[in-house]
């Protein structure tokens, strides 16, 4: 995400991470210590829908202000659903 560069009126800039749509997949990885799943992130497109962009921006601002906090579940609580 930090590698995305766009040309603006003042030259190249790095847009906000919420300005693009990304596909997230889990992929199996391994080495001599074991096997696990990691992330594969690929850029799909730039957000063209203005209301969607504004919603993403507002959500990012809420996170930055601490108004939104992710509740992480532990491995021992697999039966409970995730809360965000």
C-alpha atoms as a PDB file:
ATOM      1  CA  UNK A   1       0.000   0.000   0.000  1.00  0.00           C
ATOM      2  CA  UNK A   2       2.842   2.361   0.773  1.00  0.00           C
ATOM      3  CA  UNK A   3       4.265   1.646  -2.690  1.00  0.00           C
ATOM      4  CA  UNK A   4       1.252   3.094  -4.532  1.00  0.00           C
ATOM      5  CA  UNK A   5       2.098   6.440  -6.123  1.00  0.00           C
ATOM      6  CA  UNK A   6      -0.312   8.770  -7.921  1.00  0.00           C
ATOM      7  CA  UNK A   7       0.355  11.958  -9.830  1.00  0.00           C
ATOM      8  CA  UNK A   8      -1.305  15.047  -8.381  1.00  0.00           C
ATOM      9  CA  UNK A   9      -1.149  18.748  -9.150  1.00  0.00           C
ATOM     10  CA  UNK A  10       2.046  19.037  -7.054  1.00  0.00           C
ATOM     11  CA  UNK A  11       3.722  15.868  -8.378  1.00  0.00           C
ATOM     12  CA  UNK A  12       3.767  12.277  -7.136  1.00  0.00           C
ATOM     13  CA  UNK A  13       2.232  11.364  -3.789  1.00  0.00           C
ATOM     14  CA  UNK A  14       1.284   8.278  -1.783  1.00  0.00           C
ATOM     15  CA  UNK A  15      -2.516   8.130  -1.391  1.00  0.00           C
ATOM     16  CA  UNK A  16      -4.278   6.945   1.755  1.00  0.00           C
ATOM     17  CA  UNK A  17      -4.519   3.178   2.142  1.00  0.00           C
ATOM     18  CA  UNK A  18      -8.317   3.386   1.885  1.00  0.00           C
ATOM     19  CA  UNK A  19      -8.151   4.969  -1.582  1.00  0.00           C
ATOM     20  CA  UNK A  20      -7.787   1.564  -3.238  1.00  0.00           C
ATOM     21  CA  UNK A  21      -9.511  -1.807  -3.072  1.00  0.00           C
ATOM     22  CA  UNK A  22      -7.311  -4.751  -2.122  1.00  0.00           C
ATOM     23  CA  UNK A  23      -7.858  -8.515  -2.221  1.00  0.00           C
ATOM     24  CA  UNK A  24      -6.639 -10.345   0.882  1.00  0.00           C
ATOM     25  CA  UNK A  25      -5.984 -14.086   0.758  1.00  0.00           C
ATOM     26  CA  UNK A  26      -4.342 -16.512   3.100  1.00  0.00           C
ATOM     27  CA  UNK A  27      -1.546 -18.597   1.641  1.00  0.00           C
ATOM     28  CA  UNK A  28       0.230 -21.550   3.128  1.00  0.00           C
ATOM     29  CA  UNK A  29       3.892 -20.929   3.900  1.00  0.00           C
ATOM     30  CA  UNK A  30       6.548 -23.161   5.374  1.00  0.00           C
ATOM     31  CA  UNK A  31      10.187 -23.459   6.260  1.00  0.00           C
ATOM     32  CA  UNK A  32      12.347 -25.867   8.258  1.00  0.00           C
ATOM     33  CA  UNK A  33      10.579 -24.774  11.478  1.00  0.00           C
ATOM     34  CA  UNK A  34       7.035 -25.560  10.337  1.00  0.00           C
ATOM     35  CA  UNK A  35       4.019 -24.568   8.277  1.00  0.00           C
ATOM     36  CA  UNK A  36       1.647 -21.620   8.755  1.00  0.00           C
ATOM     37  CA  UNK A  37      -0.680 -19.324   6.866  1.00  0.00           C
ATOM     38  CA  UNK A  38       0.337 -15.804   5.889  1.00  0.00           C
ATOM     39  CA  UNK A  39      -1.260 -12.988   3.914  1.00  0.00           C
ATOM     40  CA  UNK A  40      -1.173 -12.343   0.188  1.00  0.00           C
ATOM     41  CA  UNK A  41      -2.274  -8.777  -0.602  1.00  0.00           C
ATOM     42  CA  UNK A  42      -3.014  -7.650  -4.148  1.00  0.00           C
ATOM     43  CA  UNK A  43      -4.319  -4.307  -5.396  1.00  0.00           C
ATOM     44  CA  UNK A  44      -7.615  -4.600  -7.310  1.00  0.00           C
ATOM     45  CA  UNK A  45      -8.455  -1.009  -8.259  1.00  0.00           C
ATOM     46  CA  UNK A  46      -8.767   2.574  -7.115  1.00  0.00           C
ATOM     47  CA  UNK A  47     -11.995   3.461  -5.280  1.00  0.00           C
ATOM     48  CA  UNK A  48     -14.187   5.323  -7.782  1.00  0.00           C
ATOM     49  CA  UNK A  49     -17.382   5.455  -5.681  1.00  0.00           C
ATOM     50  CA  UNK A  50     -17.301   8.800  -3.792  1.00  0.00           C
ATOM     51  CA  UNK A  51     -19.693   7.761  -0.959  1.00  0.00           C
ATOM     52  CA  UNK A  52     -17.662   4.580  -0.402  1.00  0.00           C
ATOM     53  CA  UNK A  53     -14.435   6.614  -0.270  1.00  0.00           C
ATOM     54  CA  UNK A  54     -15.971   9.059   2.231  1.00  0.00           C
ATOM     55  CA  UNK A  55     -17.181   6.171   4.398  1.00  0.00           C
ATOM     56  CA  UNK A  56     -13.684   4.626   4.391  1.00  0.00           C
ATOM     57  CA  UNK A  57     -12.121   7.990   5.235  1.00  0.00           C
ATOM     58  CA  UNK A  58     -14.516   8.517   8.155  1.00  0.00           C
ATOM     59  CA  UNK A  59     -13.771   5.009   9.432  1.00  0.00           C
ATOM     60  CA  UNK A  60     -10.004   5.626   9.216  1.00  0.00           C
ATOM     61  CA  UNK A  61     -10.423   8.888  11.124  1.00  0.00           C
ATOM     62  CA  UNK A  62     -12.446   7.074  13.818  1.00  0.00           C
ATOM     63  CA  UNK A  63      -9.665   4.532  14.212  1.00  0.00           C
ATOM     64  CA  UNK A  64      -7.065   7.306  14.415  1.00  0.00           C
ATOM     65  CA  UNK A  65      -9.048   9.028  17.191  1.00  0.00           C
ATOM     66  CA  UNK A  66      -9.417   5.755  19.115  1.00  0.00           C
ATOM     67  CA  UNK A  67     -13.206   5.684  18.664  1.00  0.00           C
ATOM     68  CA  UNK A  68     -13.009   2.253  16.984  1.00  0.00           C
ATOM     69  CA  UNK A  69     -11.066  -0.559  18.642  1.00  0.00           C
ATOM     70  CA  UNK A  70     -10.827  -4.138  17.389  1.00  0.00           C
ATOM     71  CA  UNK A  71     -11.743  -6.840  19.888  1.00  0.00           C
ATOM     72  CA  UNK A  72      -9.425  -9.790  19.288  1.00  0.00           C
ATOM     73  CA  UNK A  73     -10.473 -13.327  20.170  1.00  0.00           C
ATOM     74  CA  UNK A  74      -8.007 -15.821  21.566  1.00  0.00           C
ATOM     75  CA  UNK A  75      -7.510 -19.323  20.150  1.00  0.00           C
ATOM     76  CA  UNK A  76      -9.334 -20.765  23.160  1.00  0.00           C
ATOM     77  CA  UNK A  77     -12.539 -18.914  22.231  1.00  0.00           C
ATOM     78  CA  UNK A  78     -13.060 -20.368  18.746  1.00  0.00           C
ATOM     79  CA  UNK A  79     -16.821 -20.757  19.279  1.00  0.00           C
ATOM     80  CA  UNK A  80     -17.347 -17.008  19.708  1.00  0.00           C
ATOM     81  CA  UNK A  81     -17.626 -14.754  16.682  1.00  0.00           C
ATOM     82  CA  UNK A  82     -15.196 -11.894  16.087  1.00  0.00           C
ATOM     83  CA  UNK A  83     -16.288  -8.391  17.106  1.00  0.00           C
ATOM     84  CA  UNK A  84     -15.033  -5.209  15.475  1.00  0.00           C
END
